[in-house]
Amino acid sequence: MSTKCYIHKNYNLLFRIVEKWCCETNTFVLPFGEATITLEDVMVLGGYPVIGDPIFTQVTDQEMTKVEKKLILALKQLTTHLKQVGNSSRIKLWIDIFIDKGSEIEHEAFLATWLSLSVFPHKLSWLKSSLFSIVVLLARGNPIALAPAVLATIYKELTLFKKKIVDPDIYPLEVTLQLPFYLVQIWVWERFKNLQPQPMLINHVDPLLFRWHKVQALEIDSVKLALDSTINDFLWRPYVRYADKCEMFYPDDAFSVPFKKDLDKQMLSFFYTLKSFRACWI
């Protein structure tokens, strides 16, 4: 649901915050300290799960392997067809193969499209067969830990972006931002009060990201100055404000959480997020 949001890109803001990025520590170095986008941000804002099998998990079950092979065959047939008809809409043709056709792999085809376009997009290939294994698993309710992979992609993009800014002679200043990168802009809006536009009012059941759906950025003379002088406007724990939506994560009073395998999946996911924070500081 979060990937249905449309975020207006604020290129000036993105350039200025990327200038603060340290490629060695994967943090933004600000005048008052270091901060970075974390698994918590990816989970709360993007809705991506922290727990589950890694994205490189392969299917081993015979029935699931057959489904994966059917997806691979459909992609090969589409590629062959595109070579014959020329520049046609690949997405539309892929959808037309499955939608309302009674295909037994329609759901898997939808998940493959969603992952390729909204979660792990790549400028060279809109549909990646390497995702078919986890597509088959997701379609059967198997949890996949998407959040760590999305976060790794964001770190990689931030580092590449920073290198292009610092040395445009070696890295030509032409930046193609992949879709998960919008979380960087929202990370800034959630934490820097002096850069935050007026968010949308949302329903209790709506994803948190809907607060920024089609919201226009503030007109600011100097984003760089605003970032450098925001020591009193920076929110270290912004999501505490949404305790009414995320009360299980941000209650008013502290409480102990026994680690159990049958713990609520959302709470277990958040537990692993906090555990990763602790590991980073040890």
C-alpha atoms as a PDB file:
ATOM      1  CA  MET A   1       0.000   0.000   0.000  1.00  0.00           C
ATOM      2  CA  SER A   2       2.856   2.402   0.778  1.00  0.00           C
ATOM      3  CA  THR A   3       4.239   1.976  -2.735  1.00  0.00           C
ATOM      4  CA  LYS A   4       0.995   3.457  -4.100  1.00  0.00           C
ATOM      5  CA  CYS A   5       2.037   6.863  -2.726  1.00  0.00           C
ATOM      6  CA  TYR A   6       3.336   9.490  -5.113  1.00  0.00           C
ATOM      7  CA  ILE A   7       6.167  11.529  -3.630  1.00  0.00           C
ATOM      8  CA  HIS A   8       7.106  14.790  -5.366  1.00  0.00           C
ATOM      9  CA  LYS A   9      10.904  14.711  -5.586  1.00  0.00           C
ATOM     10  CA  ASN A  10      12.673  17.684  -4.064  1.00  0.00           C
ATOM     11  CA  TYR A  11      15.984  17.578  -5.938  1.00  0.00           C
ATOM     12  CA  ASN A  12      17.510  20.524  -4.079  1.00  0.00           C
ATOM     13  CA  LEU A  13      16.829  18.837  -0.749  1.00  0.00           C
ATOM     14  CA  LEU A  14      18.237  15.504  -1.974  1.00  0.00           C
ATOM     15  CA  PHE A  15      21.443  17.097  -3.270  1.00  0.00           C
ATOM     16  CA  ARG A  16      22.013  19.002  -0.040  1.00  0.00           C
ATOM     17  CA  ILE A  17      21.421  16.025   2.264  1.00  0.00           C
ATOM     18  CA  VAL A  18      23.587  13.726   0.105  1.00  0.00           C
ATOM     19  CA  GLU A  19      26.433  16.223   0.495  1.00  0.00           C
ATOM     20  CA  LYS A  20      26.348  15.286   4.201  1.00  0.00           C
ATOM     21  CA  TRP A  21      26.659  11.553   3.475  1.00  0.00           C
ATOM     22  CA  CYS A  22      29.770   9.707   4.666  1.00  0.00           C
ATOM     23  CA  CYS A  23      30.464   6.668   2.485  1.00  0.00           C
ATOM     24  CA  GLU A  24      32.664   5.038   5.152  1.00  0.00           C
ATOM     25  CA  THR A  25      30.126   5.098   7.996  1.00  0.00           C
ATOM     26  CA  ASN A  26      26.831   5.168   6.036  1.00  0.00           C
ATOM     27  CA  THR A  27      25.703   8.181   8.053  1.00  0.00           C
ATOM     28  CA  PHE A  28      24.836  11.819   7.466  1.00  0.00           C
ATOM     29  CA  VAL A  29      27.468  13.956   9.192  1.00  0.00           C
ATOM     30  CA  LEU A  30      25.611  16.962  10.577  1.00  0.00           C
ATOM     31  CA  PRO A  31      26.954  19.879  12.658  1.00  0.00           C
ATOM     32  CA  PHE A  32      25.388  18.425  15.806  1.00  0.00           C
ATOM     33  CA  GLY A  33      26.248  14.754  15.234  1.00  0.00           C
ATOM     34  CA  GLU A  34      25.678  11.792  12.943  1.00  0.00           C
ATOM     35  CA  ALA A  35      22.349  10.288  11.941  1.00  0.00           C
ATOM     36  CA  THR A  36      21.178   7.879   9.272  1.00  0.00           C
ATOM     37  CA  ILE A  37      18.195   6.127   7.775  1.00  0.00           C
ATOM     38  CA  THR A  38      17.751   2.770   9.531  1.00  0.00           C
ATOM     39  CA  LEU A  39      15.706  -0.412   9.465  1.00  0.00           C
ATOM     40  CA  GLU A  40      13.177   1.370  11.680  1.00  0.00           C
ATOM     41  CA  ASP A  41      12.579   3.985   8.973  1.00  0.00           C
ATOM     42  CA  VAL A  42      12.300   1.381   6.228  1.00  0.00           C
ATOM     43  CA  MET A  43       9.869  -0.645   8.313  1.00  0.00           C
ATOM     44  CA  VAL A  44       7.686   2.194   9.661  1.00  0.00           C
ATOM     45  CA  LEU A  45       7.657   4.418   6.560  1.00  0.00           C
ATOM     46  CA  GLY A  46       7.938   1.855   3.788  1.00  0.00           C
ATOM     47  CA  GLY A  47       6.096  -0.968   5.500  1.00  0.00           C
ATOM     48  CA  TYR A  48       8.798  -3.469   4.541  1.00  0.00           C
ATOM     49  CA  PRO A  49       9.209  -6.475   6.874  1.00  0.00           C
ATOM     50  CA  VAL A  50      12.399  -6.980   8.855  1.00  0.00           C
ATOM     51  CA  ILE A  51      11.878 -10.647   9.617  1.00  0.00           C
ATOM     52  CA  GLY A  52      11.691 -13.538   7.191  1.00  0.00           C
ATOM     53  CA  ASP A  53      13.941 -15.372   4.760  1.00  0.00           C
ATOM     54  CA  PRO A  54      16.604 -13.349   2.896  1.00  0.00           C
ATOM     55  CA  ILE A  55      15.838 -12.201  -0.642  1.00  0.00           C
ATOM     56  CA  PHE A  56      18.379 -14.627  -2.124  1.00  0.00           C
ATOM     57  CA  THR A  57      16.406 -17.634  -0.833  1.00  0.00           C
ATOM     58  CA  GLN A  58      15.818 -20.261  -3.522  1.00  0.00           C
ATOM     59  CA  VAL A  59      12.787 -22.519  -3.820  1.00  0.00           C
ATOM     60  CA  THR A  60      13.406 -26.221  -3.331  1.00  0.00           C
ATOM     61  CA  ASP A  61       9.888 -27.613  -3.305  1.00  0.00           C
ATOM     62  CA  GLN A  62       8.998 -29.364  -6.582  1.00  0.00           C
ATOM     63  CA  GLU A  63       5.621 -27.635  -6.972  1.00  0.00           C
ATOM     64  CA  MET A  64       7.110 -24.163  -6.363  1.00  0.00           C
ATOM     65  CA  THR A  65       9.970 -24.903  -8.764  1.00  0.00           C
ATOM     66  CA  LYS A  66       7.402 -25.621 -11.492  1.00  0.00           C
ATOM     67  CA  VAL A  67       5.738 -22.255 -10.867  1.00  0.00           C
ATOM     68  CA  GLU A  68       9.100 -20.486 -11.037  1.00  0.00           C
ATOM     69  CA  LYS A  69       9.850 -22.178 -14.374  1.00  0.00           C
ATOM     70  CA  LYS A  70       6.467 -21.030 -15.726  1.00  0.00           C
ATOM     71  CA  LEU A  71       7.331 -17.424 -14.830  1.00  0.00           C
ATOM     72  CA  ILE A  72      10.735 -17.741 -16.510  1.00  0.00           C
ATOM     73  CA  LEU A  73       9.110 -19.195 -19.636  1.00  0.00           C
ATOM     74  CA  ALA A  74       6.528 -16.381 -19.744  1.00  0.00           C
ATOM     75  CA  LEU A  75       9.314 -13.783 -19.497  1.00  0.00           C
ATOM     76  CA  LYS A  76      11.281 -15.462 -22.300  1.00  0.00           C
ATOM     77  CA  GLN A  77       8.184 -15.497 -24.522  1.00  0.00           C
ATOM     78  CA  LEU A  78       7.585 -11.811 -23.790  1.00  0.00           C
ATOM     79  CA  THR A  79      11.200 -10.969 -24.641  1.00  0.00           C
ATOM     80  CA  THR A  80      10.924 -12.836 -27.945  1.00  0.00           C
ATOM     81  CA  HIS A  81       7.655 -11.055 -28.755  1.00  0.00           C
ATOM     82  CA  LEU A  82       9.169  -7.644 -27.994  1.00  0.00           C
ATOM     83  CA  LYS A  83      11.995  -8.302 -30.455  1.00  0.00           C
ATOM     84  CA  GLN A  84       9.391  -8.899 -33.129  1.00  0.00           C
ATOM     85  CA  VAL A  85       7.024  -5.976 -32.470  1.00  0.00           C
ATOM     86  CA  GLY A  86       9.633  -3.366 -31.500  1.00  0.00           C
ATOM     87  CA  ASN A  87       9.108  -0.629 -28.914  1.00  0.00           C
ATOM     88  CA  SER A  88       5.926  -1.658 -27.148  1.00  0.00           C
ATOM     89  CA  SER A  89       4.976  -1.210 -23.529  1.00  0.00           C
ATOM     90  CA  ARG A  90       6.676  -4.102 -21.762  1.00  0.00           C
ATOM     91  CA  ILE A  91       4.620  -3.616 -18.628  1.00  0.00           C
ATOM     92  CA  LYS A  92       1.331  -3.566 -20.519  1.00  0.00           C
ATOM     93  CA  LEU A  93       2.221  -6.660 -22.506  1.00  0.00           C
ATOM     94  CA  TRP A  94       3.271  -8.518 -19.343  1.00  0.00           C
ATOM     95  CA  ILE A  95      -0.005  -7.587 -17.650  1.00  0.00           C
ATOM     96  CA  ASP A  96      -2.045  -8.576 -20.712  1.00  0.00           C
ATOM     97  CA  ILE A  97      -0.539 -12.069 -20.590  1.00  0.00           C
ATOM     98  CA  PHE A  98      -2.057 -12.743 -17.167  1.00  0.00           C
ATOM     99  CA  ILE A  99      -4.840 -10.376 -16.144  1.00  0.00           C
ATOM    100  CA  ASP A 100      -8.339 -11.812 -16.477  1.00  0.00           C
ATOM    101  CA  LYS A 101      -6.931 -14.777 -18.393  1.00  0.00           C
ATOM    102  CA  GLY A 102      -7.494 -17.317 -15.638  1.00  0.00           C
ATOM    103  CA  SER A 103      -3.762 -17.927 -15.371  1.00  0.00           C
ATOM    104  CA  GLU A 104      -2.740 -20.050 -12.411  1.00  0.00           C
ATOM    105  CA  ILE A 105       0.335 -17.849 -11.886  1.00  0.00           C
ATOM    106  CA  GLU A 106      -1.404 -14.461 -12.157  1.00  0.00           C
ATOM    107  CA  HIS A 107      -0.719 -13.612  -8.508  1.00  0.00           C
ATOM    108  CA  GLU A 108       2.967 -14.484  -8.851  1.00  0.00           C
ATOM    109  CA  ALA A 109       3.149 -12.347 -12.017  1.00  0.00           C
ATOM    110  CA  PHE A 110       1.628  -9.408 -10.119  1.00  0.00           C
ATOM    111  CA  LEU A 111       4.119  -9.779  -7.259  1.00  0.00           C
ATOM    112  CA  ALA A 112       7.008  -9.942  -9.737  1.00  0.00           C
ATOM    113  CA  THR A 113       5.812  -6.695 -11.323  1.00  0.00           C
ATOM    114  CA  TRP A 114       5.444  -4.988  -7.941  1.00  0.00           C
ATOM    115  CA  LEU A 115       8.882  -6.058  -6.703  1.00  0.00           C
ATOM    116  CA  SER A 116      10.576  -5.062  -9.964  1.00  0.00           C
ATOM    117  CA  LEU A 117       8.916  -1.654 -10.289  1.00  0.00           C
ATOM    118  CA  SER A 118       8.403  -0.504  -6.700  1.00  0.00           C
ATOM    119  CA  VAL A 119      10.835  -2.332  -4.419  1.00  0.00           C
ATOM    120  CA  PHE A 120      13.954  -3.333  -6.375  1.00  0.00           C
ATOM    121  CA  PRO A 121      13.830  -1.298  -9.597  1.00  0.00           C
ATOM    122  CA  HIS A 122      16.784  -1.321 -11.960  1.00  0.00           C
ATOM    123  CA  LYS A 123      17.371   1.073 -14.840  1.00  0.00           C
ATOM    124  CA  LEU A 124      18.582  -1.741 -17.125  1.00  0.00           C
ATOM    125  CA  SER A 125      15.771  -4.221 -16.546  1.00  0.00           C
ATOM    126  CA  TRP A 126      12.196  -3.597 -15.469  1.00  0.00           C
ATOM    127  CA  LEU A 127      11.477  -7.260 -14.649  1.00  0.00           C
ATOM    128  CA  LYS A 128      14.123  -9.429 -13.046  1.00  0.00           C
ATOM    129  CA  SER A 129      13.868 -13.218 -13.163  1.00  0.00           C
ATOM    130  CA  SER A 130      16.191 -13.318 -10.131  1.00  0.00           C
ATOM    131  CA  LEU A 131      13.191 -12.263  -8.046  1.00  0.00           C
ATOM    132  CA  PHE A 132      10.997 -15.155  -9.161  1.00  0.00           C
ATOM    133  CA  SER A 133      12.081 -17.420  -6.293  1.00  0.00           C
ATOM    134  CA  ILE A 134      10.952 -15.048  -3.570  1.00  0.00           C
ATOM    135  CA  VAL A 135       7.854 -14.184  -5.622  1.00  0.00           C
ATOM    136  CA  VAL A 136       6.780 -17.827  -5.437  1.00  0.00           C
ATOM    137  CA  LEU A 137       7.476 -17.872  -1.699  1.00  0.00           C
ATOM    138  CA  LEU A 138       5.605 -14.616  -1.045  1.00  0.00           C
ATOM    139  CA  ALA A 139       2.587 -15.852  -2.990  1.00  0.00           C
ATOM    140  CA  ARG A 140       2.355 -18.766  -0.534  1.00  0.00           C
ATOM    141  CA  GLY A 141       2.601 -16.626   2.582  1.00  0.00           C
ATOM    142  CA  ASN A 142       6.286 -17.215   3.297  1.00  0.00           C
ATOM    143  CA  PRO A 143       7.749 -14.099   4.970  1.00  0.00           C
ATOM    144  CA  ILE A 144      10.670 -12.448   3.175  1.00  0.00           C
ATOM    145  CA  ALA A 145      12.868  -9.853   4.927  1.00  0.00           C
ATOM    146  CA  LEU A 146      12.598  -7.050   2.368  1.00  0.00           C
ATOM    147  CA  ALA A 147      13.655  -4.231   4.717  1.00  0.00           C
ATOM    148  CA  PRO A 148      17.394  -5.113   4.984  1.00  0.00           C
ATOM    149  CA  ALA A 149      17.675  -5.401   1.191  1.00  0.00           C
ATOM    150  CA  VAL A 150      15.848  -2.099   0.632  1.00  0.00           C
ATOM    151  CA  LEU A 151      18.074  -0.373   3.190  1.00  0.00           C
ATOM    152  CA  ALA A 152      21.213  -1.793   1.560  1.00  0.00           C
ATOM    153  CA  THR A 153      19.994  -0.453  -1.797  1.00  0.00           C
ATOM    154  CA  ILE A 154      19.465   3.003  -0.300  1.00  0.00           C
ATOM    155  CA  TYR A 155      22.969   3.018   1.222  1.00  0.00           C
ATOM    156  CA  LYS A 156      24.428   1.955  -2.118  1.00  0.00           C
ATOM    157  CA  GLU A 157      22.551   4.705  -3.971  1.00  0.00           C
ATOM    158  CA  LEU A 158      23.567   7.338  -1.404  1.00  0.00           C
ATOM    159  CA  THR A 159      27.235   6.383  -1.762  1.00  0.00           C
ATOM    160  CA  LEU A 160      27.085   6.461  -5.569  1.00  0.00           C
ATOM    161  CA  PHE A 161      25.236   9.786  -5.467  1.00  0.00           C
ATOM    162  CA  LYS A 162      27.827  11.282  -3.117  1.00  0.00           C
ATOM    163  CA  LYS A 163      30.739  10.154  -5.311  1.00  0.00           C
ATOM    164  CA  LYS A 164      29.134  11.756  -8.355  1.00  0.00           C
ATOM    165  CA  ILE A 165      28.750  15.034  -6.493  1.00  0.00           C
ATOM    166  CA  VAL A 166      32.305  15.024  -5.117  1.00  0.00           C
ATOM    167  CA  ASP A 167      34.082  13.991  -8.312  1.00  0.00           C
ATOM    168  CA  PRO A 168      31.909  14.583 -11.418  1.00  0.00           C
ATOM    169  CA  ASP A 169      34.934  14.057 -13.695  1.00  0.00           C
ATOM    170  CA  ILE A 170      35.215  10.411 -12.653  1.00  0.00           C
ATOM    171  CA  TYR A 171      31.497   9.940 -12.025  1.00  0.00           C
ATOM    172  CA  PRO A 172      29.472  11.940 -14.601  1.00  0.00           C
ATOM    173  CA  LEU A 173      26.840  14.017 -12.828  1.00  0.00           C
ATOM    174  CA  GLU A 174      23.850  12.090 -14.135  1.00  0.00           C
ATOM    175  CA  VAL A 175      21.917  10.502 -11.308  1.00  0.00           C
ATOM    176  CA  THR A 176      19.166   7.936 -11.792  1.00  0.00           C
ATOM    177  CA  LEU A 177      17.387   7.560  -8.460  1.00  0.00           C
ATOM    178  CA  GLN A 178      15.834   4.169  -7.849  1.00  0.00           C
ATOM    179  CA  LEU A 179      12.356   4.145  -6.335  1.00  0.00           C
ATOM    180  CA  PRO A 180      13.222   3.228  -2.701  1.00  0.00           C
ATOM    181  CA  PHE A 181      15.305   6.414  -2.652  1.00  0.00           C
ATOM    182  CA  TYR A 182      12.157   8.455  -1.913  1.00  0.00           C
ATOM    183  CA  LEU A 183      12.490   7.199   1.664  1.00  0.00           C
ATOM    184  CA  VAL A 184      15.573   9.427   2.049  1.00  0.00           C
ATOM    185  CA  GLN A 185      13.515  12.532   1.342  1.00  0.00           C
ATOM    186  CA  ILE A 186      10.760  11.417   3.713  1.00  0.00           C
ATOM    187  CA  TRP A 187      13.414  10.639   6.345  1.00  0.00           C
ATOM    188  CA  VAL A 188      14.470  14.299   6.142  1.00  0.00           C
ATOM    189  CA  TRP A 189      10.889  15.567   6.331  1.00  0.00           C
ATOM    190  CA  GLU A 190      10.130  13.407   9.364  1.00  0.00           C
ATOM    191  CA  ARG A 191      13.203  14.596  11.291  1.00  0.00           C
ATOM    192  CA  PHE A 192      13.924  18.195  10.255  1.00  0.00           C
ATOM    193  CA  LYS A 193      11.043  20.318  11.519  1.00  0.00           C
ATOM    194  CA  ASN A 194      12.316  23.422   9.705  1.00  0.00           C
ATOM    195  CA  LEU A 195      12.210  21.597   6.356  1.00  0.00           C
ATOM    196  CA  GLN A 196       8.914  19.808   6.883  1.00  0.00           C
ATOM    197  CA  PRO A 197       5.935  20.779   4.694  1.00  0.00           C
ATOM    198  CA  GLN A 198       2.375  20.412   5.929  1.00  0.00           C
ATOM    199  CA  PRO A 199       1.555  16.685   5.827  1.00  0.00           C
ATOM    200  CA  MET A 200      -1.758  15.176   4.783  1.00  0.00           C
ATOM    201  CA  LEU A 201      -4.349  14.034   7.279  1.00  0.00           C
ATOM    202  CA  ILE A 202      -4.743  10.268   7.060  1.00  0.00           C
ATOM    203  CA  ASN A 203      -7.026   7.618   8.468  1.00  0.00           C
ATOM    204  CA  HIS A 204      -5.917   5.342  11.251  1.00  0.00           C
ATOM    205  CA  VAL A 205      -5.648   2.364   8.915  1.00  0.00           C
ATOM    206  CA  ASP A 206      -3.618   4.207   6.248  1.00  0.00           C
ATOM    207  CA  PRO A 207       0.139   3.590   5.976  1.00  0.00           C
ATOM    208  CA  LEU A 208       2.208   6.332   7.580  1.00  0.00           C
ATOM    209  CA  LEU A 209       3.748   7.245   4.228  1.00  0.00           C
ATOM    210  CA  PHE A 210       0.349   8.495   3.028  1.00  0.00           C
ATOM    211  CA  ARG A 211       1.026  11.630   5.097  1.00  0.00           C
ATOM    212  CA  TRP A 212       3.360  12.731   2.291  1.00  0.00           C
ATOM    213  CA  HIS A 213       1.296  11.621  -0.710  1.00  0.00           C
ATOM    214  CA  LYS A 214       1.567  14.398  -3.374  1.00  0.00           C
ATOM    215  CA  VAL A 215       2.738  16.908  -0.745  1.00  0.00           C
ATOM    216  CA  GLN A 216       4.725  19.830  -2.190  1.00  0.00           C
ATOM    217  CA  ALA A 217       8.048  20.812  -0.615  1.00  0.00           C
ATOM    218  CA  LEU A 218       8.548  24.091   1.194  1.00  0.00           C
ATOM    219  CA  GLU A 219      10.071  27.007  -0.683  1.00  0.00           C
ATOM    220  CA  ILE A 220      13.363  27.525   1.195  1.00  0.00           C
ATOM    221  CA  ASP A 221      16.075  29.976   0.155  1.00  0.00           C
ATOM    222  CA  SER A 222      18.963  27.871   1.440  1.00  0.00           C
ATOM    223  CA  VAL A 223      18.396  24.204   2.229  1.00  0.00           C
ATOM    224  CA  LYS A 224      22.086  23.872   3.109  1.00  0.00           C
ATOM    225  CA  LEU A 225      21.786  26.598   5.764  1.00  0.00           C
ATOM    226  CA  ALA A 226      18.599  25.006   7.102  1.00  0.00           C
ATOM    227  CA  LEU A 227      20.368  21.652   7.478  1.00  0.00           C
ATOM    228  CA  ASP A 228      23.390  23.227   9.184  1.00  0.00           C
ATOM    229  CA  SER A 229      21.368  25.264  11.681  1.00  0.00           C
ATOM    230  CA  THR A 230      18.793  22.704  12.714  1.00  0.00           C
ATOM    231  CA  ILE A 231      20.241  21.518  16.030  1.00  0.00           C
ATOM    232  CA  ASN A 232      17.046  22.541  17.843  1.00  0.00           C
ATOM    233  CA  ASP A 233      14.729  21.353  15.070  1.00  0.00           C
ATOM    234  CA  PHE A 234      15.985  17.797  14.616  1.00  0.00           C
ATOM    235  CA  LEU A 235      13.781  14.965  15.882  1.00  0.00           C
ATOM    236  CA  TRP A 236      15.765  11.901  16.912  1.00  0.00           C
ATOM    237  CA  ARG A 237      12.642   9.776  17.461  1.00  0.00           C
ATOM    238  CA  PRO A 238       9.978  11.170  15.112  1.00  0.00           C
ATOM    239  CA  TYR A 239       7.661   8.178  15.116  1.00  0.00           C
ATOM    240  CA  VAL A 240       6.857   8.508  18.813  1.00  0.00           C
ATOM    241  CA  ARG A 241       4.468  11.234  17.665  1.00  0.00           C
ATOM    242  CA  TYR A 242       2.364   8.584  15.955  1.00  0.00           C
ATOM    243  CA  ALA A 243       1.824   6.432  19.022  1.00  0.00           C
ATOM    244  CA  ASP A 244      -1.898   6.332  18.206  1.00  0.00           C
ATOM    245  CA  LYS A 245      -1.054   4.467  14.979  1.00  0.00           C
ATOM    246  CA  CYS A 246       1.933   2.515  16.279  1.00  0.00           C
ATOM    247  CA  GLU A 247       1.063   2.092  19.961  1.00  0.00           C
ATOM    248  CA  MET A 248       2.645  -1.366  20.121  1.00  0.00           C
ATOM    249  CA  PHE A 249       6.002   0.150  19.090  1.00  0.00           C
ATOM    250  CA  TYR A 250       5.919   3.478  20.943  1.00  0.00           C
ATOM    251  CA  PRO A 251       3.925   3.206  24.186  1.00  0.00           C
ATOM    252  CA  ASP A 252       3.931   5.911  26.846  1.00  0.00           C
ATOM    253  CA  ASP A 253       5.576   3.666  29.425  1.00  0.00           C
ATOM    254  CA  ALA A 254       8.420   1.183  29.020  1.00  0.00           C
ATOM    255  CA  PHE A 255       7.632  -2.508  29.290  1.00  0.00           C
ATOM    256  CA  SER A 256       9.531  -5.749  28.865  1.00  0.00           C
ATOM    257  CA  VAL A 257       8.936  -7.951  25.836  1.00  0.00           C
ATOM    258  CA  PRO A 258       9.669 -11.670  26.321  1.00  0.00           C
ATOM    259  CA  PHE A 259      11.311 -13.137  23.252  1.00  0.00           C
ATOM    260  CA  LYS A 260       9.051 -15.879  21.960  1.00  0.00           C
ATOM    261  CA  LYS A 261       8.752 -17.518  18.583  1.00  0.00           C
ATOM    262  CA  ASP A 262       4.983 -17.012  18.667  1.00  0.00           C
ATOM    263  CA  LEU A 263       5.307 -13.267  19.322  1.00  0.00           C
ATOM    264  CA  ASP A 264       3.176 -10.997  17.136  1.00  0.00           C
ATOM    265  CA  LYS A 265       4.949 -10.722  13.758  1.00  0.00           C
ATOM    266  CA  GLN A 266       4.958  -6.920  13.793  1.00  0.00           C
ATOM    267  CA  MET A 267       6.345  -6.794  17.320  1.00  0.00           C
ATOM    268  CA  LEU A 268       8.921  -9.461  16.527  1.00  0.00           C
ATOM    269  CA  SER A 269       9.985  -7.480  13.466  1.00  0.00           C
ATOM    270  CA  PHE A 270      10.389  -4.338  15.578  1.00  0.00           C
ATOM    271  CA  PHE A 271      12.342  -6.316  18.196  1.00  0.00           C
ATOM    272  CA  TYR A 272      14.857  -7.373  15.548  1.00  0.00           C
ATOM    273  CA  THR A 273      15.114  -3.747  14.408  1.00  0.00           C
ATOM    274  CA  LEU A 274      16.031  -2.581  17.910  1.00  0.00           C
ATOM    275  CA  LYS A 275      18.403  -5.519  18.305  1.00  0.00           C
ATOM    276  CA  SER A 276      20.250  -4.426  15.148  1.00  0.00           C
ATOM    277  CA  PHE A 277      20.656  -0.921  16.637  1.00  0.00           C
ATOM    278  CA  ARG A 278      22.262  -2.433  19.742  1.00  0.00           C
ATOM    279  CA  ALA A 279      24.614  -4.564  17.657  1.00  0.00           C
ATOM    280  CA  CYS A 280      25.819  -1.484  15.781  1.00  0.00           C
ATOM    281  CA  TRP A 281      26.921   0.195  19.013  1.00  0.00           C
ATOM    282  CA  ILE A 282      28.720  -2.758  20.603  1.00  0.00           C
END
